[in-house]
Amino acid sequence: MHAKSRNEIRGLSLVEVLLTVSALGIIGALAVSRTTHIQDGVRHTKLEQDVKHINSAVKIYVANGGSFEGASAPQEILDRLKSNATDADKMQFVGITGSTLDKRVAVNTGSKKTRSVAVWSPSSQQFNIVDFVDGGVTSFYLNEALASVDFQAVGREASTFSYGEESGWIWDYEDKPTTSRGGPTVVTVEDPKDTTPPPVPVMLSAPAISPTGGSFPESDFPKTISVINPNDPSTWLLVSINGDPFAPYTGPITLADAGALVAYAAGDPTYWVDSANASASFAKLPPLPPSQLTAPLIDLSSPQFNDSVSDITIAITNPNLAGSSSLYYSIVPQGGTHAEASTWDPATNALTVSATQYPDGFNVIAYAKSSDPSRYIDSWPADAFTTAEFYDIPVIGNVLFVLDASSSMGNSFGNTTRFKATVDELVQAIDKLPNNLKFNVAMFDSNIHWTDGSFTLHPANANNKQSLINQIQQLDHGSGTNYAAAFELPSLFSPVPEQVIFLSDGAPNNTPYQNLVSSLAAQGIRIDAIGLDLDNSATSILEQIVGLTGGSLVTVEE
């Protein structure tokens, strides 16, 4: 045995490759041709069957007085088959006065010459299948959009046999004159045969069930269900509920509980074939877990008793669905303890309390009690309380007072200075703080002017109040107005205050502070501001600050 040379072990030659590719192409073309031929054969068979059924409908229509006068296009012929006789003809005509074809039948016509197309022959009054004709029908199909179309009523030709009008007989017979022609009269000696083909029954369309079924909340039951008949008015519907025997449908059905519905359309078997069944099931969704009620809304007509306010009205509002809950409340003096919720009073109307009842203020608490524990859980309590005001700004939560201690605060303010007037007003506010809040005081000038050194919000008990009052009464103002130092303070305290009450008597220096205000707003800290003797420019700056954090502005003039 000898080793093969490189030329002896080479692959196929170029000629061999080309011959192989050509052979594969021929096999593929034969397969495509065979598939196309099969497809054409299927389409031709379907077209033959469709034409057969439609020609039967044509014969029934013509046999019952129908006419195709004025109609020539295939779709016009089909539409004429879908028409009903006029109301006047229905009263007298003996025969079929309804449509003989399903309303949904429509045609596809070819834009080029095609093998096996259906064309309408006016002379023979039928569709014929021919080859390669322009505009022929390539296929018939069902168009669901035509099911609801009301095709125009068309008159039927007079019959020799009709219902009586004036003769007193049930039926009238009217001889029709024959057309006279020249030549001998031909007399038929055989009994004529009836060549009218029997009608071909048409299958009815399945009814529609509304709603179509599915899962529904328990509150939707009993549930009303309608069954709609899309067929000729002469047909009817039969319905089975939860497997019971079928019975005629006479109107909407009420399901008291979950269940199923089956319906079909039926008619005179001479003309109609029962439709397919339509069915729908109606289930109940599992009950949802109880949801928690929303706490009531409590609104006080005034945040505190003072020389001009001796009575405060308390409005308690239920934000939940009507009938889902009732409101209960409790009122105690400021610093008091509420009894068990089971002893609270029902809140049905607005309440009015007086300063003589609660000279040191009060705390009111309320909750929404569920009327149906399987669906709702009692709300958390909401509370409101009389509180302190600082220059008409009410304290609404844990608060840090941030006060301007610049040199201009030494300017006269009535019989005192701005700084001294501010401290006196602050002492009164601290003294009235509810003991369920926390507070502290800080001051600024060109930097941080003063804090108590703890950087802590203290509980508003008597000892802490007096300690802060003693300290701030010993202070004096400094120099400079640095808003950046002021708005740096809240973030230094623990816990972070819910409210900052800011007081100043002048515009800030050039140190940027805007980012610090934005940071406080992002933390949900509300800034309320008080301006002492401010010009329009300084007032506008404070308006921007409180607007960013949802606070309010009070201006005080000497």
Protein backbone atom coordinates (compact mmCIF):
# COMPACT_ATOMS: atom_id res chain seq x y z
CA MET A 1 0.00 0.00 0.00
CA HIS A 2 1.34 3.39 -0.87
CA ALA A 3 0.51 6.83 0.67
CA LYS A 4 -2.03 8.91 -1.24
CA SER A 5 -0.83 12.06 -2.86
CA ARG A 6 -2.46 15.43 -2.04
CA ASN A 7 -4.35 15.37 -5.38
CA GLU A 8 -5.75 11.90 -4.72
CA ILE A 9 -7.42 12.84 -1.38
CA ARG A 10 -9.00 16.14 -2.45
CA GLY A 11 -12.84 16.92 -2.11
CA LEU A 12 -15.53 17.26 -4.78
CA SER A 13 -14.76 19.18 -7.91
CA LEU A 14 -16.59 22.46 -8.77
CA VAL A 15 -18.65 20.66 -11.44
CA GLU A 16 -19.76 18.02 -8.94
CA VAL A 17 -20.81 20.69 -6.44
CA LEU A 18 -22.85 22.56 -9.06
CA LEU A 19 -24.61 19.33 -10.14
CA THR A 20 -25.49 18.55 -6.50
CA VAL A 21 -26.88 22.04 -5.85
CA SER A 22 -28.97 21.90 -9.06
CA ALA A 23 -30.45 18.55 -8.07
CA LEU A 24 -31.44 19.85 -4.66
CA GLY A 25 -33.06 22.92 -6.27
CA ILE A 26 -35.16 20.74 -8.58
CA ILE A 27 -36.35 18.60 -5.64
CA GLY A 28 -37.28 21.76 -3.66
CA ALA A 29 -39.20 23.25 -6.60
CA LEU A 30 -41.16 20.00 -7.01
CA ALA A 31 -42.03 20.07 -3.27
CA VAL A 32 -43.24 23.67 -3.47
CA SER A 33 -45.26 22.92 -6.60
CA ARG A 34 -46.85 19.90 -4.92
CA THR A 35 -47.73 21.97 -1.79
CA THR A 36 -49.24 24.76 -3.93
CA HIS A 37 -51.31 22.21 -5.87
CA ILE A 38 -52.68 20.73 -2.63
CA GLN A 39 -53.57 24.19 -1.31
CA ASP A 40 -55.39 25.05 -4.57
CA GLY A 41 -57.31 21.78 -4.37
CA VAL A 42 -58.46 22.49 -0.80
CA ARG A 43 -59.60 26.02 -1.74
CA HIS A 44 -61.46 24.68 -4.80
CA THR A 45 -63.30 22.04 -2.73
CA LYS A 46 -64.34 24.61 -0.11
CA LEU A 47 -65.54 27.00 -2.82
CA GLU A 48 -67.64 24.24 -4.39
CA GLN A 49 -69.32 23.48 -1.06
CA ASP A 50 -69.94 27.16 -0.31
CA VAL A 51 -71.47 27.75 -3.76
CA LYS A 52 -73.71 24.71 -3.31
CA HIS A 53 -75.13 26.03 -0.01
CA ILE A 54 -75.53 29.59 -1.25
CA ASN A 55 -77.31 28.46 -4.44
CA SER A 56 -79.74 26.52 -2.21
CA ALA A 57 -80.44 29.75 -0.27
CA VAL A 58 -80.99 31.51 -3.63
CA LYS A 59 -83.59 28.93 -4.65
CA ILE A 60 -85.45 29.27 -1.34
CA TYR A 61 -85.43 33.06 -1.68
CA VAL A 62 -86.71 32.99 -5.28
CA ALA A 63 -89.31 30.32 -4.45
CA ASN A 64 -90.71 32.64 -1.79
CA GLY A 65 -91.16 35.69 -3.98
CA GLY A 66 -87.63 37.10 -3.79
CA SER A 67 -86.13 39.02 -6.69
CA PHE A 68 -82.59 40.05 -7.60
CA GLU A 69 -83.64 42.96 -9.77
CA GLY A 70 -81.08 45.77 -9.51
CA ALA A 71 -78.46 43.50 -7.91
CA SER A 72 -75.51 42.14 -9.87
CA ALA A 73 -72.36 42.16 -7.72
CA PRO A 74 -71.81 38.97 -5.63
CA GLN A 75 -72.03 40.85 -2.29
CA GLU A 76 -75.28 42.54 -3.44
CA ILE A 77 -76.75 39.08 -4.18
CA LEU A 78 -75.77 37.87 -0.67
CA ASP A 79 -77.19 41.01 0.96
CA ARG A 80 -80.50 40.46 -0.88
CA LEU A 81 -80.61 36.92 0.62
CA LYS A 82 -80.14 38.44 4.10
CA SER A 83 -83.10 40.81 3.74
CA ASN A 84 -86.55 40.36 5.25
CA ALA A 85 -89.84 40.99 3.50
CA THR A 86 -91.45 44.37 4.13
CA ASP A 87 -93.98 44.57 6.96
CA ALA A 88 -96.81 44.94 4.42
CA ASP A 89 -95.76 41.78 2.53
CA LYS A 90 -95.40 39.81 5.78
CA MET A 91 -99.06 40.46 6.57
CA GLN A 92 -100.27 38.83 3.31
CA PHE A 93 -97.48 36.58 2.02
CA VAL A 94 -97.79 32.83 2.54
CA GLY A 95 -94.22 31.50 2.79
CA ILE A 96 -90.81 32.39 4.19
CA THR A 97 -90.52 36.13 4.74
CA GLY A 98 -87.19 36.16 6.66
CA SER A 99 -83.60 35.98 5.45
CA THR A 100 -82.32 32.75 3.91
CA LEU A 101 -78.61 33.34 4.61
CA ASP A 102 -76.48 34.06 7.69
CA LYS A 103 -75.90 37.83 7.94
CA ARG A 104 -72.15 37.31 8.46
CA VAL A 105 -71.46 35.72 5.03
CA ALA A 106 -69.15 37.94 2.93
CA VAL A 107 -66.98 37.55 -0.20
CA ASN A 108 -63.32 37.88 -1.11
CA THR A 109 -62.81 38.93 -4.72
CA GLY A 110 -59.58 38.57 -6.65
CA SER A 111 -57.68 41.48 -8.16
CA LYS A 112 -56.25 39.27 -10.91
CA LYS A 113 -57.41 36.29 -12.93
CA THR A 114 -57.44 33.18 -10.74
CA ARG A 115 -58.28 29.54 -11.23
CA SER A 116 -61.62 28.43 -9.72
CA VAL A 117 -63.66 31.55 -8.91
CA ALA A 118 -67.42 31.91 -8.36
CA VAL A 119 -69.42 34.32 -10.54
CA TRP A 120 -73.11 35.26 -10.49
CA SER A 121 -75.19 34.28 -13.51
CA PRO A 122 -78.28 36.55 -13.87
CA SER A 123 -79.82 34.25 -16.48
CA SER A 124 -79.61 31.02 -14.46
CA GLN A 125 -80.07 32.83 -11.10
CA GLN A 126 -77.16 31.02 -9.46
CA PHE A 127 -73.42 31.14 -8.76
CA ASN A 128 -71.19 29.14 -11.13
CA ILE A 129 -67.52 28.17 -10.73
CA VAL A 130 -65.30 29.15 -13.65
CA ASP A 131 -61.57 29.61 -14.24
CA PHE A 132 -59.56 32.77 -14.75
CA VAL A 133 -62.23 35.46 -14.70
CA ASP A 134 -61.62 39.03 -13.52
CA GLY A 135 -63.47 40.04 -10.33
CA GLY A 136 -64.66 36.54 -9.43
CA VAL A 137 -65.23 35.40 -5.85
CA THR A 138 -62.13 33.59 -4.61
CA SER A 139 -63.72 32.59 -1.29
CA PHE A 140 -66.69 33.11 1.02
CA TYR A 141 -66.07 33.80 4.74
CA LEU A 142 -67.88 34.90 7.92
CA ASN A 143 -67.48 38.56 8.91
CA GLU A 144 -68.56 38.96 12.57
CA ALA A 145 -69.01 42.72 12.09
CA LEU A 146 -72.02 42.02 9.82
CA ALA A 147 -73.92 40.13 12.56
CA SER A 148 -75.45 43.34 13.92
CA VAL A 149 -76.20 44.97 10.52
CA ASP A 150 -79.89 45.62 9.79
CA PHE A 151 -80.27 44.77 6.10
CA GLN A 152 -82.96 46.74 4.32
CA ALA A 153 -86.40 45.13 3.97
CA VAL A 154 -87.18 44.20 0.35
CA GLY A 155 -90.66 43.59 -1.12
CA ARG A 156 -91.64 40.08 -2.23
CA GLU A 157 -93.46 39.48 -5.51
CA ALA A 158 -97.21 38.89 -5.16
CA SER A 159 -98.25 35.29 -4.65
CA THR A 160 -101.27 33.61 -6.22
CA PHE A 161 -101.98 32.22 -2.77
CA SER A 162 -102.10 34.79 0.10
CA TYR A 163 -103.86 35.47 3.37
CA GLY A 164 -107.37 36.87 2.89
CA GLU A 165 -108.20 40.53 3.35
CA GLU A 166 -111.84 41.07 2.44
CA SER A 167 -113.34 37.81 1.14
CA GLY A 168 -113.99 36.33 4.58
CA TRP A 169 -111.84 33.30 3.67
CA ILE A 170 -108.57 32.59 5.45
CA TRP A 171 -106.77 32.52 2.12
CA ASP A 172 -107.44 34.30 -1.15
CA TYR A 173 -106.63 32.92 -4.56
CA GLU A 174 -106.01 35.24 -7.48
CA ASP A 175 -105.71 34.15 -11.06
CA LYS A 176 -102.75 35.63 -12.87
CA PRO A 177 -103.28 36.55 -16.54
CA THR A 178 -100.99 34.82 -18.97
CA THR A 179 -99.11 36.53 -21.72
CA SER A 180 -100.76 35.85 -25.10
CA ARG A 181 -98.53 34.75 -27.95
CA GLY A 182 -99.30 33.87 -31.53
CA GLY A 183 -99.57 30.24 -32.56
CA PRO A 184 -101.28 27.18 -31.23
CA THR A 185 -101.96 26.59 -27.58
CA VAL A 186 -100.00 23.68 -26.15
CA VAL A 187 -101.92 21.60 -23.63
CA THR A 188 -99.92 19.52 -21.17
CA VAL A 189 -101.38 16.07 -20.71
CA GLU A 190 -99.01 15.06 -17.85
CA ASP A 191 -99.18 16.26 -14.25
CA PRO A 192 -96.47 18.89 -13.87
CA LYS A 193 -93.73 18.01 -11.41
CA ASP A 194 -92.69 20.45 -8.66
CA THR A 195 -89.11 21.35 -9.48
CA THR A 196 -88.63 23.68 -6.49
CA PRO A 197 -85.84 22.18 -4.35
CA PRO A 198 -86.54 21.76 -0.64
CA PRO A 199 -85.01 24.44 1.61
CA VAL A 200 -81.52 23.79 3.02
CA PRO A 201 -81.51 24.38 6.79
CA VAL A 202 -78.98 26.99 7.94
CA MET A 203 -77.00 26.54 11.16
CA LEU A 204 -77.79 29.21 13.73
CA SER A 205 -75.16 31.34 15.46
CA ALA A 206 -74.45 30.63 19.12
CA PRO A 207 -76.03 33.11 21.57
CA ALA A 208 -74.00 35.63 23.57
CA ILE A 209 -74.00 35.57 27.40
CA SER A 210 -73.52 38.89 29.21
CA PRO A 211 -71.45 39.23 31.31
CA THR A 212 -69.21 36.56 29.82
CA GLY A 213 -68.42 34.88 33.15
CA GLY A 214 -65.47 34.91 35.52
CA SER A 215 -64.86 35.56 39.22
CA PHE A 216 -66.73 38.34 40.98
CA PRO A 217 -66.80 39.85 44.50
CA GLU A 218 -69.34 38.31 46.85
CA SER A 219 -71.15 41.65 46.92
CA ASP A 220 -72.04 41.19 43.19
CA PHE A 221 -74.42 38.34 44.04
CA PRO A 222 -77.31 37.88 43.38
CA LYS A 223 -76.00 38.45 39.82
CA THR A 224 -78.16 39.28 36.78
CA ILE A 225 -77.22 37.57 33.49
CA SER A 226 -78.64 38.21 30.01
CA VAL A 227 -78.58 35.89 26.97
CA ILE A 228 -78.66 37.56 23.55
CA ASN A 229 -79.96 35.88 20.36
CA PRO A 230 -78.09 37.13 17.25
CA ASN A 231 -80.32 35.13 14.87
CA ASP A 232 -83.57 35.62 12.99
CA PRO A 233 -86.50 36.75 15.20
CA SER A 234 -88.34 33.54 14.36
CA THR A 235 -85.76 31.54 16.34
CA TRP A 236 -85.59 31.13 20.11
CA LEU A 237 -83.17 30.36 22.95
CA LEU A 238 -82.97 27.45 25.39
CA VAL A 239 -81.05 27.76 28.66
CA SER A 240 -79.76 25.34 31.31
CA ILE A 241 -78.77 26.64 34.76
CA ASN A 242 -76.36 24.58 36.87
CA GLY A 243 -77.03 21.44 34.83
CA ASP A 244 -80.83 21.58 35.04
CA PRO A 245 -82.89 20.59 31.95
CA PHE A 246 -82.96 23.17 29.16
CA ALA A 247 -85.91 25.56 29.29
CA PRO A 248 -87.01 28.49 27.07
CA TYR A 249 -85.24 31.75 27.82
CA THR A 250 -87.77 34.47 28.64
CA GLY A 251 -85.64 37.23 30.16
CA PRO A 252 -82.64 38.04 32.35
CA ILE A 253 -81.62 35.33 34.82
CA THR A 254 -80.64 35.96 38.44
CA LEU A 255 -77.94 33.75 39.98
CA ALA A 256 -78.23 33.83 43.78
CA ASP A 257 -74.85 32.14 44.15
CA ALA A 258 -71.93 30.94 42.07
CA GLY A 259 -73.04 28.81 39.13
CA ALA A 260 -72.88 28.02 35.41
CA LEU A 261 -75.09 28.76 32.41
CA VAL A 262 -75.39 26.93 29.04
CA ALA A 263 -77.52 28.26 26.17
CA TYR A 264 -78.15 27.52 22.49
CA ALA A 265 -80.35 28.87 19.68
CA ALA A 266 -83.04 26.73 18.01
CA GLY A 267 -85.72 27.19 15.34
CA ASP A 268 -87.99 25.45 12.83
CA PRO A 269 -85.87 22.46 11.70
CA THR A 270 -87.12 22.96 8.14
CA TYR A 271 -85.02 26.11 7.94
CA TRP A 272 -82.60 26.07 10.89
CA VAL A 273 -79.99 23.84 12.52
CA ASP A 274 -79.49 24.29 16.27
CA SER A 275 -76.48 26.44 17.15
CA ALA A 276 -73.45 25.37 19.13
CA ASN A 277 -73.66 25.80 22.90
CA ALA A 278 -72.54 29.02 24.59
CA SER A 279 -71.51 28.67 28.23
CA ALA A 280 -70.31 30.85 31.09
CA SER A 281 -69.34 30.17 34.71
CA PHE A 282 -69.72 32.66 37.54
CA ALA A 283 -67.53 32.18 40.61
CA LYS A 284 -67.13 34.14 43.82
CA LEU A 285 -63.78 35.70 44.68
CA PRO A 286 -62.50 34.68 48.12
CA PRO A 287 -63.26 37.32 50.76
CA LEU A 288 -60.55 39.91 51.25
CA PRO A 289 -58.78 40.10 54.63
CA PRO A 290 -60.12 42.86 56.88
CA SER A 291 -58.62 46.26 56.12
CA GLN A 292 -57.73 48.78 58.79
CA LEU A 293 -59.90 51.83 59.05
CA THR A 294 -58.39 55.30 58.68
CA ALA A 295 -58.05 57.34 61.85
CA PRO A 296 -60.55 60.20 62.31
CA LEU A 297 -59.72 63.81 61.49
CA ILE A 298 -59.76 66.14 64.50
CA ASP A 299 -59.95 69.89 64.02
CA LEU A 300 -59.82 72.53 66.79
CA SER A 301 -61.33 75.94 66.18
CA SER A 302 -58.38 77.47 68.10
CA PRO A 303 -55.04 76.01 69.20
CA GLN A 304 -55.32 77.50 72.71
CA PHE A 305 -57.45 79.42 75.17
CA ASN A 306 -56.48 83.09 75.51
CA ASP A 307 -58.00 86.44 76.38
CA SER A 308 -60.14 86.41 73.22
CA VAL A 309 -60.89 82.66 73.10
CA SER A 310 -62.85 81.16 75.99
CA ASP A 311 -64.48 78.30 74.03
CA ILE A 312 -62.97 75.85 71.54
CA THR A 313 -65.04 73.75 69.13
CA ILE A 314 -63.81 70.23 68.38
CA ALA A 315 -64.91 68.74 65.03
CA ILE A 316 -64.26 64.99 64.62
CA THR A 317 -64.74 63.68 61.06
CA ASN A 318 -64.91 60.07 59.84
CA PRO A 319 -62.96 59.63 56.55
CA ASN A 320 -64.09 56.01 56.06
CA LEU A 321 -66.94 54.56 53.97
CA ALA A 322 -70.41 55.32 55.27
CA GLY A 323 -71.65 52.54 57.53
CA SER A 324 -68.21 50.99 57.98
CA SER A 325 -67.52 52.46 61.42
CA SER A 326 -68.54 54.73 64.27
CA LEU A 327 -66.40 57.33 66.05
CA TYR A 328 -65.56 57.38 69.75
CA TYR A 329 -63.56 60.01 71.68
CA SER A 330 -62.07 60.97 75.03
CA ILE A 331 -61.04 64.39 76.42
CA VAL A 332 -58.68 64.89 79.38
CA PRO A 333 -56.89 67.94 80.82
CA GLN A 334 -53.46 68.66 79.37
CA GLY A 335 -51.10 66.04 80.79
CA GLY A 336 -53.95 63.73 81.87
CA THR A 337 -54.35 60.02 81.08
CA HIS A 338 -57.16 58.59 78.94
CA ALA A 339 -59.30 55.70 80.21
CA GLU A 340 -59.79 52.42 78.33
CA ALA A 341 -61.27 52.88 74.83
CA SER A 342 -64.32 50.81 75.80
CA THR A 343 -65.43 53.69 78.06
CA TRP A 344 -65.09 56.45 75.43
CA ASP A 345 -68.11 58.42 74.29
CA PRO A 346 -69.64 58.24 70.77
CA ALA A 347 -68.79 61.27 68.60
CA THR A 348 -71.94 62.24 66.72
CA ASN A 349 -71.73 66.04 66.66
CA ALA A 350 -69.19 68.83 67.10
CA LEU A 351 -68.11 69.39 70.72
CA THR A 352 -67.53 72.67 72.52
CA VAL A 353 -65.20 72.92 75.54
CA SER A 354 -64.49 75.99 77.66
CA ALA A 355 -61.50 77.48 79.41
CA THR A 356 -63.26 77.02 82.76
CA GLN A 357 -63.37 73.25 82.15
CA TYR A 358 -59.74 73.03 81.03
CA PRO A 359 -57.88 76.16 82.21
CA ASP A 360 -54.49 74.59 81.33
CA GLY A 361 -55.71 73.20 78.00
CA PHE A 362 -56.83 69.71 77.01
CA ASN A 363 -56.02 66.66 74.92
CA VAL A 364 -58.68 64.94 72.77
CA ILE A 365 -58.28 61.48 71.26
CA ALA A 366 -60.61 59.56 68.91
CA TYR A 367 -60.74 56.38 66.82
CA ALA A 368 -63.00 54.69 64.25
CA LYS A 369 -64.62 51.51 65.59
CA SER A 370 -65.46 48.84 62.98
CA SER A 371 -69.13 48.04 62.34
CA ASP A 372 -68.13 44.75 60.61
CA PRO A 373 -64.98 43.10 62.07
CA SER A 374 -64.90 40.58 59.20
CA ARG A 375 -64.21 43.45 56.77
CA TYR A 376 -62.61 46.22 58.86
CA ILE A 377 -60.19 46.59 61.76
CA ASP A 378 -60.51 49.47 64.23
CA SER A 379 -58.37 52.46 63.31
CA TRP A 380 -55.42 53.76 65.24
CA PRO A 381 -56.36 56.69 67.48
CA ALA A 382 -55.88 60.28 66.34
CA ASP A 383 -55.28 63.05 68.82
CA ALA A 384 -55.27 66.82 69.03
CA PHE A 385 -54.46 69.19 71.85
CA THR A 386 -54.39 72.80 72.80
CA THR A 387 -50.89 74.08 72.34
CA ALA A 388 -48.67 77.11 72.62
CA GLU A 389 -48.44 79.90 70.04
CA PHE A 390 -45.35 81.94 69.30
CA TYR A 391 -46.32 85.21 67.60
CA ASP A 392 -49.52 83.50 66.35
CA ILE A 393 -47.61 80.47 65.01
CA PRO A 394 -49.07 77.35 66.74
CA VAL A 395 -46.71 74.62 67.92
CA ILE A 396 -47.86 71.44 66.15
CA GLY A 397 -45.14 68.92 67.05
CA ASN A 398 -41.67 68.50 68.50
CA VAL A 399 -40.26 71.97 67.98
CA LEU A 400 -36.97 73.86 67.80
CA PHE A 401 -37.16 77.66 68.19
CA VAL A 402 -34.39 79.27 66.08
CA LEU A 403 -34.05 82.99 66.91
CA ASP A 404 -32.10 85.87 65.31
CA ALA A 405 -29.56 87.39 67.72
CA SER A 406 -28.04 89.91 65.31
CA SER A 407 -27.16 93.46 66.36
CA SER A 408 -30.34 94.87 64.75
CA MET A 409 -32.34 92.85 67.29
CA GLY A 410 -31.21 95.51 69.78
CA ASN A 411 -33.28 98.14 67.97
CA SER A 412 -36.23 99.58 69.84
CA PHE A 413 -39.56 97.77 69.63
CA GLY A 414 -42.28 99.68 71.42
CA ASN A 415 -41.12 100.19 74.99
CA THR A 416 -38.42 97.53 74.72
CA THR A 417 -36.04 96.04 72.13
CA ARG A 418 -36.76 93.47 69.47
CA PHE A 419 -34.60 90.93 71.29
CA LYS A 420 -36.24 91.48 74.69
CA ALA A 421 -39.74 91.38 73.16
CA THR A 422 -38.87 88.11 71.41
CA VAL A 423 -37.59 86.51 74.65
CA ASP A 424 -40.72 87.60 76.57
CA GLU A 425 -42.98 86.13 73.86
CA LEU A 426 -40.95 82.92 73.85
CA VAL A 427 -41.23 82.52 77.65
CA GLN A 428 -45.04 82.62 77.37
CA ALA A 429 -45.00 80.05 74.54
CA ILE A 430 -42.71 77.65 76.42
CA ASP A 431 -44.87 77.92 79.54
CA LYS A 432 -47.94 76.73 77.56
CA LEU A 433 -46.26 73.86 75.68
CA PRO A 434 -48.14 70.54 76.09
CA ASN A 435 -46.13 68.05 78.10
CA ASN A 436 -46.43 65.39 75.37
CA LEU A 437 -44.13 67.46 73.12
CA LYS A 438 -40.36 67.95 73.06
CA PHE A 439 -38.63 71.30 72.53
CA ASN A 440 -35.45 73.38 72.67
CA VAL A 441 -34.16 76.86 71.77
CA ALA A 442 -31.16 77.96 69.68
CA MET A 443 -29.95 81.38 68.46
CA PHE A 444 -27.78 82.58 65.59
CA ASP A 445 -25.94 85.73 64.53
CA SER A 446 -22.87 85.64 62.27
CA ASN A 447 -22.53 82.01 63.44
CA ILE A 448 -24.27 79.86 66.03
CA HIS A 449 -24.90 82.36 68.83
CA TRP A 450 -26.24 80.11 71.59
CA THR A 451 -27.56 76.63 72.48
CA ASP A 452 -27.96 74.94 75.86
CA GLY A 453 -25.11 72.64 74.83
CA SER A 454 -27.16 69.43 74.83
CA PHE A 455 -28.38 69.46 71.22
CA THR A 456 -31.36 67.50 72.51
CA LEU A 457 -35.09 68.16 72.30
CA HIS A 458 -36.31 67.95 75.91
CA PRO A 459 -39.72 66.72 77.12
CA ALA A 460 -41.91 69.73 77.85
CA ASN A 461 -42.27 69.01 81.60
CA ALA A 462 -42.28 71.73 84.22
CA ASN A 463 -38.59 71.33 85.15
CA ASN A 464 -37.30 71.46 81.58
CA LYS A 465 -39.51 74.41 80.74
CA GLN A 466 -38.28 76.45 83.73
CA SER A 467 -34.64 75.55 83.07
CA LEU A 468 -34.79 76.84 79.46
CA ILE A 469 -36.72 79.95 80.52
CA ASN A 470 -34.05 80.80 83.14
CA GLN A 471 -31.26 80.44 80.58
CA ILE A 472 -32.73 82.49 77.73
CA GLN A 473 -33.70 85.32 80.08
CA GLN A 474 -29.98 85.82 80.76
CA LEU A 475 -28.95 86.13 77.10
CA ASP A 476 -28.23 89.17 74.91
CA HIS A 477 -27.87 89.60 71.16
CA GLY A 478 -24.62 89.50 69.13
CA SER A 479 -23.87 90.66 65.58
CA GLY A 480 -24.52 89.43 62.02
CA THR A 481 -27.34 87.58 60.24
CA ASN A 482 -26.13 84.22 58.92
CA TYR A 483 -29.10 82.13 57.69
CA ALA A 484 -26.73 79.23 56.92
CA ALA A 485 -25.82 78.97 60.61
CA ALA A 486 -29.54 79.07 61.51
CA PHE A 487 -30.60 76.29 59.14
CA GLU A 488 -27.64 74.11 60.09
CA LEU A 489 -28.98 73.91 63.68
CA PRO A 490 -32.04 71.59 63.24
CA SER A 491 -29.93 68.71 61.90
CA LEU A 492 -27.68 68.87 64.97
CA PHE A 493 -30.52 68.06 67.38
CA SER A 494 -31.82 64.67 68.46
CA PRO A 495 -34.51 63.73 67.85
CA VAL A 496 -34.75 65.78 64.66
CA PRO A 497 -37.51 68.37 65.19
CA GLU A 498 -40.81 68.06 63.31
CA GLN A 499 -41.22 71.85 63.31
CA VAL A 500 -38.77 74.76 63.22
CA ILE A 501 -40.08 78.18 64.22
CA PHE A 502 -37.62 80.69 62.73
CA LEU A 503 -37.54 84.39 63.68
CA SER A 504 -35.47 87.15 62.06
CA ASP A 505 -35.53 90.92 61.67
CA GLY A 506 -33.35 91.27 58.57
CA ALA A 507 -32.10 89.89 55.25
CA PRO A 508 -29.34 87.24 55.37
CA ASN A 509 -25.70 87.86 54.60
CA ASN A 510 -24.12 86.33 51.49
CA THR A 511 -23.46 82.88 52.96
CA PRO A 512 -25.44 80.30 50.89
CA TYR A 513 -28.23 78.64 52.87
CA GLN A 514 -30.63 77.37 50.18
CA ASN A 515 -29.27 73.79 50.12
CA LEU A 516 -29.71 73.51 53.88
CA VAL A 517 -33.37 74.56 53.57
CA SER A 518 -33.89 71.99 50.79
CA SER A 519 -32.34 69.30 52.99
CA LEU A 520 -34.74 70.12 55.85
CA ALA A 521 -37.69 70.02 53.43
CA ALA A 522 -36.53 66.60 52.17
CA GLN A 523 -36.57 65.34 55.78
CA GLY A 524 -40.18 66.51 56.17
CA ILE A 525 -39.28 69.29 58.62
CA ARG A 526 -41.75 72.18 58.49
CA ILE A 527 -40.35 75.70 58.79
CA ASP A 528 -42.66 78.45 60.04
CA ALA A 529 -41.21 81.96 59.98
CA ILE A 530 -41.75 85.24 61.88
CA GLY A 531 -40.44 88.49 60.42
CA LEU A 532 -39.93 91.53 62.69
CA ASP A 533 -40.11 94.90 60.90
CA LEU A 534 -38.92 93.42 57.57
CA ASP A 535 -38.75 95.26 54.27
CA ASN A 536 -40.29 93.72 51.13
CA SER A 537 -37.06 92.07 49.99
CA ALA A 538 -36.45 90.29 53.31
CA THR A 539 -40.12 89.29 53.50
CA SER A 540 -39.91 87.72 50.03
CA ILE A 541 -36.95 85.59 51.16
CA LEU A 542 -38.91 84.21 54.12
CA GLU A 543 -41.90 83.51 51.87
CA GLN A 544 -39.69 81.35 49.65
CA ILE A 545 -38.35 79.42 52.67
CA VAL A 546 -41.74 78.58 54.20
CA GLY A 547 -43.21 77.81 50.78
CA LEU A 548 -40.56 75.15 50.20
CA THR A 549 -41.33 73.33 53.47
CA GLY A 550 -45.11 73.81 53.72
CA GLY A 551 -44.90 76.32 56.58
CA SER A 552 -46.49 79.71 57.18
CA LEU A 553 -45.20 83.26 57.61
CA VAL A 554 -46.24 85.88 60.16
CA THR A 555 -44.93 89.47 59.95
CA VAL A 556 -44.86 91.63 63.07
CA GLU A 557 -44.55 95.41 62.99
CA GLU A 558 -43.47 97.63 65.87
